[in-house]
Amino acid sequence: MSAVEAGENSGAGSGAKDGEAHQPNGRNEELHTIAAKLIETARKHSVSIGAAESCSGGMAASALTSVPGCSDVFWGCVVSYANEAKVALLGVDEAVLSSVGAVDKNVALQMASGACKALDVDFAFSTTGIAGPDGGSEHKPVGTVWVAVAGKGLQQATLYHFTGTREQIRQATAKQALHNLTDFIQISFG
């Protein structure tokens, strides 16, 4: 069973140590490489992509825009940090947010589908979680993240438990979202 099918994963944050994965321009090369693969995959299949980011705060979209010529397939990102933005911009059901909170499978799925609709794209990913250092609980500790993907009438969400600093959790989330959408597009086209 693949990680995407499993529905729950844990992993260590993969933030760079001083000077390790960042170039002098400040770009995280690993994140850029993953983003470039998603852009290449979208081009190969002639599809448009978009995003809805909460806990990653646009980090994945920033990585995508670091790829030259990305605008031929990447149409945009809704950074919906506040619940009100999730409702107003992505169509997330306010009742769901009120009953389960933002860090939930159904919210992640609605965010990804909402990004497809709002951006008029073929495929999209979403991220929602708790990057810390505060905000966690016994049932949803810091590092709890849902990543969802949607497109071609299909959608799926995967739960992750990342560890590390706030920045490491955000980076791990962005990398995972880019990976998941790349895999989802490839699987969609067989």
N, C-alpha and C. Protein backbone atom coordinates (compact mmCIF):
# COMPACT_ATOMS: atom_id res chain seq x y z
N MET A 1 0.86 -1.18 0.00
CA MET A 1 0.00 0.00 0.00
C MET A 1 0.90 1.23 0.00
N SER A 2 0.63 2.17 -0.89
CA SER A 2 1.45 3.38 -0.97
C SER A 2 1.14 4.31 0.19
N ALA A 3 2.04 5.27 0.43
CA ALA A 3 1.84 6.24 1.50
C ALA A 3 0.55 7.02 1.27
N VAL A 4 0.23 7.30 0.02
CA VAL A 4 -0.98 8.06 -0.28
C VAL A 4 -2.22 7.23 0.05
N GLU A 5 -2.16 5.93 -0.22
CA GLU A 5 -3.30 5.06 0.07
C GLU A 5 -3.44 4.80 1.56
N ALA A 6 -2.34 4.81 2.27
CA ALA A 6 -2.37 4.45 3.68
C ALA A 6 -3.19 5.41 4.51
N GLY A 7 -3.17 6.69 4.17
CA GLY A 7 -3.99 7.65 4.89
C GLY A 7 -3.35 8.26 6.10
N GLU A 8 -2.28 7.69 6.61
CA GLU A 8 -1.62 8.28 7.76
C GLU A 8 -0.14 7.98 7.69
N ASN A 9 0.65 9.00 7.95
CA ASN A 9 2.10 8.86 7.89
C ASN A 9 2.74 9.72 8.96
N SER A 10 3.93 9.38 9.30
CA SER A 10 4.69 10.25 10.20
C SER A 10 6.05 10.45 9.59
N GLY A 11 6.62 11.59 9.89
CA GLY A 11 7.93 11.86 9.33
C GLY A 11 8.59 13.00 10.05
N ALA A 12 9.87 13.02 10.00
CA ALA A 12 10.62 14.11 10.62
C ALA A 12 10.62 15.28 9.68
N GLY A 13 10.56 16.45 10.26
CA GLY A 13 10.72 17.66 9.45
C GLY A 13 12.08 17.60 8.79
N SER A 14 12.19 18.23 7.66
CA SER A 14 13.45 18.12 6.93
C SER A 14 14.02 19.49 6.62
N GLY A 15 13.96 20.35 7.60
CA GLY A 15 14.54 21.67 7.40
C GLY A 15 16.05 21.58 7.30
N ALA A 16 16.63 22.51 6.59
CA ALA A 16 18.07 22.49 6.36
C ALA A 16 18.84 22.92 7.59
N LYS A 17 19.98 22.31 7.80
CA LYS A 17 20.91 22.80 8.81
C LYS A 17 21.64 23.97 8.19
N ASP A 18 22.32 24.73 8.99
CA ASP A 18 23.01 25.91 8.48
C ASP A 18 23.84 25.56 7.26
N GLY A 19 23.51 26.20 6.12
CA GLY A 19 24.27 26.05 4.89
C GLY A 19 24.08 24.74 4.17
N GLU A 20 23.21 23.85 4.68
CA GLU A 20 23.12 22.52 4.11
C GLU A 20 22.35 22.47 2.79
N ALA A 21 21.09 22.88 2.78
CA ALA A 21 20.27 22.73 1.58
C ALA A 21 19.90 24.05 0.94
N HIS A 22 20.37 25.13 1.50
CA HIS A 22 20.04 26.44 0.95
C HIS A 22 21.21 27.00 0.17
N GLN A 23 20.90 27.59 -0.96
CA GLN A 23 21.91 28.26 -1.78
C GLN A 23 22.09 29.68 -1.26
N PRO A 24 23.12 30.40 -1.71
CA PRO A 24 23.31 31.78 -1.28
C PRO A 24 22.09 32.67 -1.56
N ASN A 25 21.28 32.33 -2.56
CA ASN A 25 20.08 33.11 -2.85
C ASN A 25 18.94 32.81 -1.89
N GLY A 26 19.14 31.90 -0.95
CA GLY A 26 18.14 31.56 0.06
C GLY A 26 17.17 30.48 -0.39
N ARG A 27 17.30 29.98 -1.60
CA ARG A 27 16.37 28.99 -2.11
C ARG A 27 16.70 27.61 -1.54
N ASN A 28 15.68 26.91 -1.12
CA ASN A 28 15.83 25.54 -0.64
C ASN A 28 15.85 24.64 -1.87
N GLU A 29 17.00 24.07 -2.17
CA GLU A 29 17.17 23.31 -3.42
C GLU A 29 16.32 22.05 -3.46
N GLU A 30 16.16 21.36 -2.35
CA GLU A 30 15.34 20.15 -2.34
C GLU A 30 13.89 20.50 -2.66
N LEU A 31 13.38 21.54 -2.04
CA LEU A 31 12.01 21.98 -2.29
C LEU A 31 11.85 22.42 -3.74
N HIS A 32 12.83 23.14 -4.27
CA HIS A 32 12.80 23.58 -5.67
C HIS A 32 12.79 22.38 -6.62
N THR A 33 13.58 21.37 -6.34
CA THR A 33 13.65 20.18 -7.19
C THR A 33 12.31 19.45 -7.21
N ILE A 34 11.67 19.33 -6.05
CA ILE A 34 10.36 18.67 -5.96
C ILE A 34 9.32 19.48 -6.74
N ALA A 35 9.38 20.81 -6.59
CA ALA A 35 8.45 21.69 -7.32
C ALA A 35 8.66 21.57 -8.82
N ALA A 36 9.92 21.50 -9.25
CA ALA A 36 10.22 21.38 -10.68
C ALA A 36 9.65 20.07 -11.24
N LYS A 37 9.69 19.02 -10.45
CA LYS A 37 9.13 17.74 -10.91
C LYS A 37 7.62 17.85 -11.09
N LEU A 38 6.93 18.55 -10.19
CA LEU A 38 5.49 18.73 -10.33
C LEU A 38 5.17 19.55 -11.58
N ILE A 39 5.92 20.62 -11.81
CA ILE A 39 5.72 21.45 -13.00
C ILE A 39 5.92 20.59 -14.26
N GLU A 40 6.98 19.80 -14.27
CA GLU A 40 7.28 18.92 -15.41
C GLU A 40 6.13 17.92 -15.63
N THR A 41 5.61 17.35 -14.55
CA THR A 41 4.52 16.38 -14.65
C THR A 41 3.26 17.04 -15.19
N ALA A 42 2.94 18.23 -14.71
CA ALA A 42 1.76 18.95 -15.20
C ALA A 42 1.91 19.28 -16.69
N ARG A 43 3.09 19.71 -17.09
CA ARG A 43 3.34 20.00 -18.51
C ARG A 43 3.19 18.74 -19.36
N LYS A 44 3.76 17.65 -18.90
CA LYS A 44 3.71 16.38 -19.64
C LYS A 44 2.27 15.97 -19.93
N HIS A 45 1.38 16.20 -18.97
CA HIS A 45 -0.02 15.79 -19.12
C HIS A 45 -0.93 16.94 -19.54
N SER A 46 -0.34 18.11 -19.81
CA SER A 46 -1.10 19.29 -20.27
C SER A 46 -2.25 19.64 -19.34
N VAL A 47 -1.94 19.72 -18.03
CA VAL A 47 -2.95 20.08 -17.04
C VAL A 47 -2.53 21.33 -16.28
N SER A 48 -3.51 22.03 -15.76
CA SER A 48 -3.25 23.19 -14.93
C SER A 48 -3.34 22.78 -13.46
N ILE A 49 -2.55 23.46 -12.63
CA ILE A 49 -2.51 23.13 -11.20
C ILE A 49 -2.65 24.38 -10.35
N GLY A 50 -3.14 24.18 -9.13
CA GLY A 50 -3.28 25.26 -8.18
C GLY A 50 -3.13 24.72 -6.77
N ALA A 51 -3.32 25.60 -5.80
CA ALA A 51 -3.10 25.21 -4.41
C ALA A 51 -3.95 26.02 -3.46
N ALA A 52 -4.18 25.44 -2.29
CA ALA A 52 -4.78 26.12 -1.15
C ALA A 52 -3.91 25.77 0.05
N GLU A 53 -3.22 26.75 0.59
CA GLU A 53 -2.31 26.48 1.70
C GLU A 53 -2.75 27.20 2.96
N SER A 54 -2.71 26.49 4.06
CA SER A 54 -2.95 27.09 5.36
C SER A 54 -1.66 27.05 6.17
N CYS A 55 -1.36 25.92 6.81
CA CYS A 55 -0.20 25.86 7.70
C CYS A 55 1.13 26.08 6.98
N SER A 56 1.20 25.77 5.70
CA SER A 56 2.45 25.99 4.95
C SER A 56 2.56 27.41 4.44
N GLY A 57 1.50 28.19 4.55
CA GLY A 57 1.54 29.62 4.31
C GLY A 57 2.06 30.08 2.96
N GLY A 58 1.87 29.29 1.92
CA GLY A 58 2.34 29.67 0.60
C GLY A 58 3.73 29.18 0.25
N MET A 59 4.33 28.41 1.14
CA MET A 59 5.70 27.92 0.91
C MET A 59 5.77 27.03 -0.33
N ALA A 60 4.80 26.15 -0.52
CA ALA A 60 4.80 25.28 -1.69
C ALA A 60 4.60 26.10 -2.96
N ALA A 61 3.69 27.07 -2.92
CA ALA A 61 3.47 27.94 -4.08
C ALA A 61 4.72 28.74 -4.40
N SER A 62 5.43 29.18 -3.39
CA SER A 62 6.68 29.91 -3.60
C SER A 62 7.70 29.02 -4.31
N ALA A 63 7.76 27.76 -3.90
CA ALA A 63 8.68 26.83 -4.56
C ALA A 63 8.28 26.63 -6.02
N LEU A 64 6.99 26.53 -6.29
CA LEU A 64 6.53 26.37 -7.67
C LEU A 64 6.90 27.58 -8.52
N THR A 65 6.76 28.77 -7.95
CA THR A 65 7.08 29.97 -8.73
C THR A 65 8.58 30.19 -8.88
N SER A 66 9.39 29.40 -8.19
CA SER A 66 10.84 29.48 -8.39
C SER A 66 11.27 28.74 -9.65
N VAL A 67 10.34 27.99 -10.25
CA VAL A 67 10.63 27.23 -11.46
C VAL A 67 10.34 28.13 -12.66
N PRO A 68 11.35 28.43 -13.48
CA PRO A 68 11.13 29.30 -14.63
C PRO A 68 10.03 28.76 -15.56
N GLY A 69 9.15 29.63 -15.99
CA GLY A 69 8.10 29.25 -16.92
C GLY A 69 6.94 28.51 -16.29
N CYS A 70 6.86 28.50 -14.96
CA CYS A 70 5.81 27.73 -14.27
C CYS A 70 4.41 28.22 -14.60
N SER A 71 4.29 29.47 -15.04
CA SER A 71 2.95 30.04 -15.24
C SER A 71 2.18 29.37 -16.36
N ASP A 72 2.84 28.55 -17.19
CA ASP A 72 2.07 27.85 -18.21
C ASP A 72 1.22 26.72 -17.62
N VAL A 73 1.51 26.28 -16.39
CA VAL A 73 0.68 25.25 -15.75
C VAL A 73 0.23 25.61 -14.34
N PHE A 74 0.98 26.44 -13.62
CA PHE A 74 0.62 26.82 -12.24
C PHE A 74 -0.13 28.15 -12.27
N TRP A 75 -1.42 28.09 -11.90
CA TRP A 75 -2.27 29.27 -12.03
C TRP A 75 -2.36 30.08 -10.75
N GLY A 76 -2.05 29.51 -9.61
CA GLY A 76 -2.11 30.31 -8.40
C GLY A 76 -2.34 29.50 -7.14
N CYS A 77 -2.41 30.25 -6.05
CA CYS A 77 -2.56 29.66 -4.73
C CYS A 77 -3.41 30.57 -3.86
N VAL A 78 -4.31 29.97 -3.10
CA VAL A 78 -5.06 30.70 -2.10
C VAL A 78 -4.42 30.36 -0.76
N VAL A 79 -3.82 31.36 -0.12
CA VAL A 79 -3.28 31.16 1.23
C VAL A 79 -4.42 31.53 2.18
N SER A 80 -5.02 30.50 2.74
CA SER A 80 -6.22 30.68 3.56
C SER A 80 -5.93 30.30 5.00
N TYR A 81 -5.22 31.17 5.66
CA TYR A 81 -4.80 30.87 7.03
C TYR A 81 -5.97 30.94 8.00
N ALA A 82 -6.81 31.96 7.86
CA ALA A 82 -7.97 32.13 8.74
C ALA A 82 -9.12 31.26 8.26
N ASN A 83 -9.91 30.76 9.20
CA ASN A 83 -11.08 29.96 8.84
C ASN A 83 -12.04 30.75 7.95
N GLU A 84 -12.16 32.04 8.20
CA GLU A 84 -13.05 32.87 7.39
C GLU A 84 -12.62 32.88 5.93
N ALA A 85 -11.31 32.85 5.69
CA ALA A 85 -10.80 32.79 4.31
C ALA A 85 -11.10 31.44 3.68
N LYS A 86 -11.01 30.38 4.47
CA LYS A 86 -11.33 29.04 3.95
C LYS A 86 -12.78 29.00 3.47
N VAL A 87 -13.67 29.63 4.22
CA VAL A 87 -15.09 29.65 3.86
C VAL A 87 -15.32 30.57 2.66
N ALA A 88 -14.84 31.80 2.74
CA ALA A 88 -15.12 32.81 1.71
C ALA A 88 -14.43 32.53 0.38
N LEU A 89 -13.20 32.05 0.41
CA LEU A 89 -12.43 31.90 -0.82
C LEU A 89 -12.46 30.49 -1.40
N LEU A 90 -12.64 29.48 -0.54
CA LEU A 90 -12.56 28.09 -1.00
C LEU A 90 -13.87 27.32 -0.85
N GLY A 91 -14.86 27.94 -0.22
CA GLY A 91 -16.15 27.27 -0.07
C GLY A 91 -16.18 26.18 0.97
N VAL A 92 -15.24 26.21 1.92
CA VAL A 92 -15.26 25.21 2.99
C VAL A 92 -16.51 25.43 3.84
N ASP A 93 -17.17 24.36 4.19
CA ASP A 93 -18.41 24.40 4.96
C ASP A 93 -18.12 24.92 6.37
N GLU A 94 -18.75 26.04 6.70
CA GLU A 94 -18.54 26.67 8.01
C GLU A 94 -18.95 25.74 9.15
N ALA A 95 -19.99 24.94 8.94
CA ALA A 95 -20.45 24.01 9.98
C ALA A 95 -19.39 22.94 10.26
N VAL A 96 -18.70 22.49 9.21
CA VAL A 96 -17.63 21.50 9.40
C VAL A 96 -16.50 22.13 10.20
N LEU A 97 -16.10 23.34 9.83
CA LEU A 97 -15.04 24.04 10.57
C LEU A 97 -15.43 24.21 12.04
N SER A 98 -16.67 24.58 12.29
CA SER A 98 -17.13 24.79 13.67
C SER A 98 -17.14 23.50 14.47
N SER A 99 -17.47 22.38 13.82
CA SER A 99 -17.59 21.14 14.57
C SER A 99 -16.27 20.39 14.75
N VAL A 100 -15.38 20.44 13.75
CA VAL A 100 -14.15 19.65 13.84
C VAL A 100 -12.88 20.47 13.83
N GLY A 101 -12.97 21.75 13.50
CA GLY A 101 -11.79 22.60 13.41
C GLY A 101 -11.15 22.51 12.04
N ALA A 102 -10.14 23.32 11.82
CA ALA A 102 -9.50 23.41 10.50
C ALA A 102 -8.60 22.23 10.17
N VAL A 103 -8.08 21.57 11.19
CA VAL A 103 -7.13 20.46 10.96
C VAL A 103 -7.93 19.16 10.92
N ASP A 104 -8.47 18.88 9.74
CA ASP A 104 -9.39 17.77 9.57
C ASP A 104 -9.39 17.30 8.12
N LYS A 105 -9.61 16.02 7.92
CA LYS A 105 -9.63 15.44 6.58
C LYS A 105 -10.65 16.14 5.68
N ASN A 106 -11.88 16.30 6.16
CA ASN A 106 -12.92 16.91 5.33
C ASN A 106 -12.61 18.36 4.96
N VAL A 107 -12.00 19.08 5.87
CA VAL A 107 -11.60 20.46 5.57
C VAL A 107 -10.53 20.46 4.49
N ALA A 108 -9.55 19.57 4.62
CA ALA A 108 -8.48 19.49 3.62
C ALA A 108 -9.05 19.16 2.24
N LEU A 109 -9.98 18.19 2.20
CA LEU A 109 -10.60 17.82 0.92
C LEU A 109 -11.39 18.98 0.33
N GLN A 110 -12.15 19.67 1.16
CA GLN A 110 -12.92 20.83 0.68
C GLN A 110 -12.00 21.95 0.20
N MET A 111 -10.87 22.13 0.86
CA MET A 111 -9.91 23.14 0.43
C MET A 111 -9.34 22.81 -0.95
N ALA A 112 -8.96 21.55 -1.16
CA ALA A 112 -8.38 21.15 -2.45
C ALA A 112 -9.41 21.28 -3.57
N SER A 113 -10.62 20.80 -3.33
CA SER A 113 -11.68 20.93 -4.33
C SER A 113 -12.03 22.40 -4.56
N GLY A 114 -12.05 23.16 -3.47
CA GLY A 114 -12.33 24.60 -3.58
C GLY A 114 -11.28 25.33 -4.38
N ALA A 115 -10.02 24.91 -4.25
CA ALA A 115 -8.94 25.54 -5.03
C ALA A 115 -9.12 25.23 -6.51
N CYS A 116 -9.51 23.99 -6.84
CA CYS A 116 -9.77 23.64 -8.25
C CYS A 116 -10.83 24.58 -8.82
N LYS A 117 -11.89 24.78 -8.06
CA LYS A 117 -12.99 25.62 -8.53
C LYS A 117 -12.60 27.10 -8.56
N ALA A 118 -12.03 27.61 -7.47
CA ALA A 118 -11.71 29.04 -7.39
C ALA A 118 -10.67 29.46 -8.42
N LEU A 119 -9.72 28.58 -8.70
CA LEU A 119 -8.63 28.90 -9.64
C LEU A 119 -8.90 28.36 -11.04
N ASP A 120 -9.98 27.59 -11.19
CA ASP A 120 -10.34 26.99 -12.47
C ASP A 120 -9.19 26.17 -13.03
N VAL A 121 -8.70 25.25 -12.18
CA VAL A 121 -7.58 24.38 -12.58
C VAL A 121 -8.02 22.92 -12.59
N ASP A 122 -7.21 22.10 -13.26
CA ASP A 122 -7.50 20.68 -13.36
C ASP A 122 -7.21 19.92 -12.07
N PHE A 123 -6.14 20.30 -11.39
CA PHE A 123 -5.69 19.62 -10.17
C PHE A 123 -5.24 20.65 -9.14
N ALA A 124 -5.41 20.32 -7.85
CA ALA A 124 -4.92 21.19 -6.79
C ALA A 124 -4.59 20.38 -5.55
N PHE A 125 -3.74 20.95 -4.71
CA PHE A 125 -3.46 20.37 -3.40
C PHE A 125 -3.84 21.36 -2.33
N SER A 126 -4.00 20.86 -1.11
CA SER A 126 -4.24 21.74 0.04
C SER A 126 -3.44 21.24 1.23
N THR A 127 -3.16 22.18 2.14
CA THR A 127 -2.47 21.85 3.39
C THR A 127 -3.21 22.51 4.54
N THR A 128 -3.40 21.78 5.61
CA THR A 128 -3.98 22.34 6.82
C THR A 128 -3.42 21.56 8.00
N GLY A 129 -2.91 22.27 8.98
CA GLY A 129 -2.29 21.57 10.10
C GLY A 129 -1.82 22.52 11.19
N ILE A 130 -1.03 21.96 12.08
CA ILE A 130 -0.52 22.72 13.23
C ILE A 130 1.01 22.71 13.16
N ALA A 131 1.57 23.85 12.78
CA ALA A 131 3.02 23.95 12.62
C ALA A 131 3.73 24.27 13.93
N GLY A 132 3.00 24.75 14.91
CA GLY A 132 3.59 25.03 16.22
C GLY A 132 4.25 26.39 16.29
N PRO A 133 4.93 26.68 17.36
CA PRO A 133 5.17 25.78 18.49
C PRO A 133 3.94 25.61 19.38
N ASP A 134 2.94 26.50 19.23
CA ASP A 134 1.72 26.40 20.03
C ASP A 134 0.58 25.90 19.17
N GLY A 135 -0.57 25.70 19.78
CA GLY A 135 -1.77 25.35 19.05
C GLY A 135 -2.13 23.88 19.04
N GLY A 136 -1.23 23.04 19.50
CA GLY A 136 -1.51 21.61 19.50
C GLY A 136 -2.36 21.20 20.69
N SER A 137 -2.90 19.99 20.61
CA SER A 137 -3.69 19.42 21.70
C SER A 137 -3.35 17.94 21.81
N GLU A 138 -3.95 17.27 22.76
CA GLU A 138 -3.71 15.83 22.91
C GLU A 138 -4.11 15.07 21.66
N HIS A 139 -5.24 15.45 21.07
CA HIS A 139 -5.75 14.75 19.89
C HIS A 139 -5.15 15.25 18.58
N LYS A 140 -4.69 16.50 18.59
CA LYS A 140 -4.06 17.08 17.40
C LYS A 140 -2.78 17.80 17.85
N PRO A 141 -1.72 17.04 18.07
CA PRO A 141 -0.47 17.66 18.54
C PRO A 141 0.20 18.48 17.43
N VAL A 142 1.13 19.33 17.84
CA VAL A 142 1.93 20.07 16.88
C VAL A 142 2.55 19.07 15.90
N GLY A 143 2.51 19.40 14.63
CA GLY A 143 3.02 18.53 13.59
C GLY A 143 1.94 17.72 12.89
N THR A 144 0.70 17.78 13.40
CA THR A 144 -0.42 17.12 12.74
C THR A 144 -0.79 17.92 11.50
N VAL A 145 -0.76 17.27 10.35
CA VAL A 145 -1.01 17.95 9.08
C VAL A 145 -1.82 17.06 8.16
N TRP A 146 -2.83 17.63 7.53
CA TRP A 146 -3.56 16.98 6.45
C TRP A 146 -3.14 17.59 5.13
N VAL A 147 -2.81 16.74 4.18
CA VAL A 147 -2.51 17.17 2.81
C VAL A 147 -3.55 16.48 1.92
N ALA A 148 -4.27 17.28 1.13
CA ALA A 148 -5.28 16.72 0.23
C ALA A 148 -4.94 17.09 -1.20
N VAL A 149 -5.42 16.26 -2.12
CA VAL A 149 -5.28 16.52 -3.55
C VAL A 149 -6.63 16.27 -4.20
N ALA A 150 -6.89 17.00 -5.29
CA ALA A 150 -8.15 16.86 -5.99
C ALA A 150 -7.93 17.10 -7.47
N GLY A 151 -8.78 16.46 -8.27
CA GLY A 151 -8.75 16.67 -9.71
C GLY A 151 -9.41 15.53 -10.44
N LYS A 152 -9.93 15.82 -11.62
CA LYS A 152 -10.59 14.82 -12.47
C LYS A 152 -11.72 14.11 -11.71
N GLY A 153 -12.42 14.85 -10.85
CA GLY A 153 -13.52 14.27 -10.11
C GLY A 153 -13.12 13.38 -8.95
N LEU A 154 -11.82 13.29 -8.68
CA LEU A 154 -11.32 12.46 -7.59
C LEU A 154 -10.66 13.34 -6.54
N GLN A 155 -10.58 12.81 -5.34
CA GLN A 155 -9.87 13.53 -4.27
C GLN A 155 -9.43 12.54 -3.21
N GLN A 156 -8.37 12.91 -2.50
CA GLN A 156 -7.94 12.10 -1.36
C GLN A 156 -7.13 12.97 -0.41
N ALA A 157 -7.13 12.56 0.83
CA ALA A 157 -6.40 13.29 1.88
C ALA A 157 -5.57 12.31 2.68
N THR A 158 -4.42 12.78 3.12
CA THR A 158 -3.51 11.94 3.90
C THR A 158 -3.09 12.70 5.15
N LEU A 159 -3.08 12.00 6.27
CA LEU A 159 -2.68 12.57 7.55
C LEU A 159 -1.20 12.30 7.79
N TYR A 160 -0.48 13.34 8.21
CA TYR A 160 0.94 13.22 8.54
C TYR A 160 1.18 13.73 9.95
N HIS A 161 2.23 13.21 10.56
CA HIS A 161 2.68 13.68 11.87
C HIS A 161 4.16 14.03 11.74
N PHE A 162 4.42 15.30 11.46
CA PHE A 162 5.79 15.77 11.28
C PHE A 162 6.36 16.24 12.62
N THR A 163 7.67 16.21 12.72
CA THR A 163 8.34 16.69 13.93
C THR A 163 9.34 17.77 13.54
N GLY A 164 9.76 18.52 14.53
CA GLY A 164 10.77 19.54 14.29
C GLY A 164 10.26 20.91 14.68
N THR A 165 11.00 21.91 14.24
CA THR A 165 10.62 23.30 14.50
C THR A 165 9.46 23.69 13.60
N ARG A 166 8.90 24.85 13.84
CA ARG A 166 7.82 25.37 13.00
C ARG A 166 8.25 25.39 11.53
N GLU A 167 9.44 25.89 11.28
CA GLU A 167 9.94 25.99 9.90
C GLU A 167 10.12 24.60 9.28
N GLN A 168 10.63 23.66 10.06
CA GLN A 168 10.81 22.29 9.55
C GLN A 168 9.47 21.64 9.22
N ILE A 169 8.48 21.86 10.06
CA ILE A 169 7.14 21.30 9.81
C ILE A 169 6.54 21.93 8.56
N ARG A 170 6.68 23.23 8.40
CA ARG A 170 6.15 23.90 7.21
C ARG A 170 6.85 23.40 5.94
N GLN A 171 8.18 23.23 6.01
CA GLN A 171 8.91 22.71 4.85
C GLN A 171 8.51 21.28 4.52
N ALA A 172 8.39 20.44 5.54
CA ALA A 172 7.99 19.05 5.32
C ALA A 172 6.59 19.00 4.71
N THR A 173 5.71 19.87 5.16
CA THR A 173 4.35 19.94 4.62
C THR A 173 4.37 20.35 3.16
N ALA A 174 5.12 21.39 2.84
CA ALA A 174 5.20 21.87 1.45
C ALA A 174 5.75 20.78 0.54
N LYS A 175 6.82 20.12 0.97
CA LYS A 175 7.41 19.04 0.16
C LYS A 175 6.41 17.91 -0.06
N GLN A 176 5.71 17.54 1.00
CA GLN A 176 4.76 16.43 0.89
C GLN A 176 3.61 16.79 -0.04
N ALA A 177 3.12 18.02 0.05
CA ALA A 177 2.01 18.45 -0.82
C ALA A 177 2.42 18.39 -2.28
N LEU A 178 3.64 18.85 -2.59
CA LEU A 178 4.14 18.82 -3.97
C LEU A 178 4.30 17.38 -4.45
N HIS A 179 4.86 16.53 -3.60
CA HIS A 179 5.00 15.09 -3.93
C HIS A 179 3.64 14.46 -4.19
N ASN A 180 2.69 14.72 -3.27
CA ASN A 180 1.39 14.07 -3.38
C ASN A 180 0.67 14.46 -4.66
N LEU A 181 0.74 15.74 -5.04
CA LEU A 181 0.05 16.15 -6.26
C LEU A 181 0.75 15.57 -7.49
N THR A 182 2.07 15.51 -7.48
CA THR A 182 2.80 14.88 -8.59
C THR A 182 2.35 13.44 -8.76
N ASP A 183 2.32 12.69 -7.67
CA ASP A 183 1.89 11.29 -7.71
C ASP A 183 0.44 11.16 -8.17
N PHE A 184 -0.41 12.03 -7.66
CA PHE A 184 -1.85 11.98 -7.97
C PHE A 184 -2.08 12.22 -9.47
N ILE A 185 -1.37 13.17 -10.04
CA ILE A 185 -1.50 13.42 -11.48
C ILE A 185 -1.02 12.22 -12.27
N GLN A 186 0.15 11.68 -11.89
CA GLN A 186 0.70 10.51 -12.61
C GLN A 186 -0.26 9.32 -12.54
N ILE A 187 -0.81 9.07 -11.38
CA ILE A 187 -1.76 7.95 -11.21
C ILE A 187 -3.03 8.21 -12.02
N SER A 188 -3.48 9.45 -12.06
CA SER A 188 -4.71 9.79 -12.80
C SER A 188 -4.59 9.49 -14.29
N PHE A 189 -3.36 9.56 -14.80
CA PHE A 189 -3.16 9.32 -16.21
C PHE A 189 -2.61 7.91 -16.50
N GLY A 190 -2.58 7.10 -15.44
CA GLY A 190 -2.16 5.70 -15.59
C GLY A 190 -0.74 5.59 -15.89
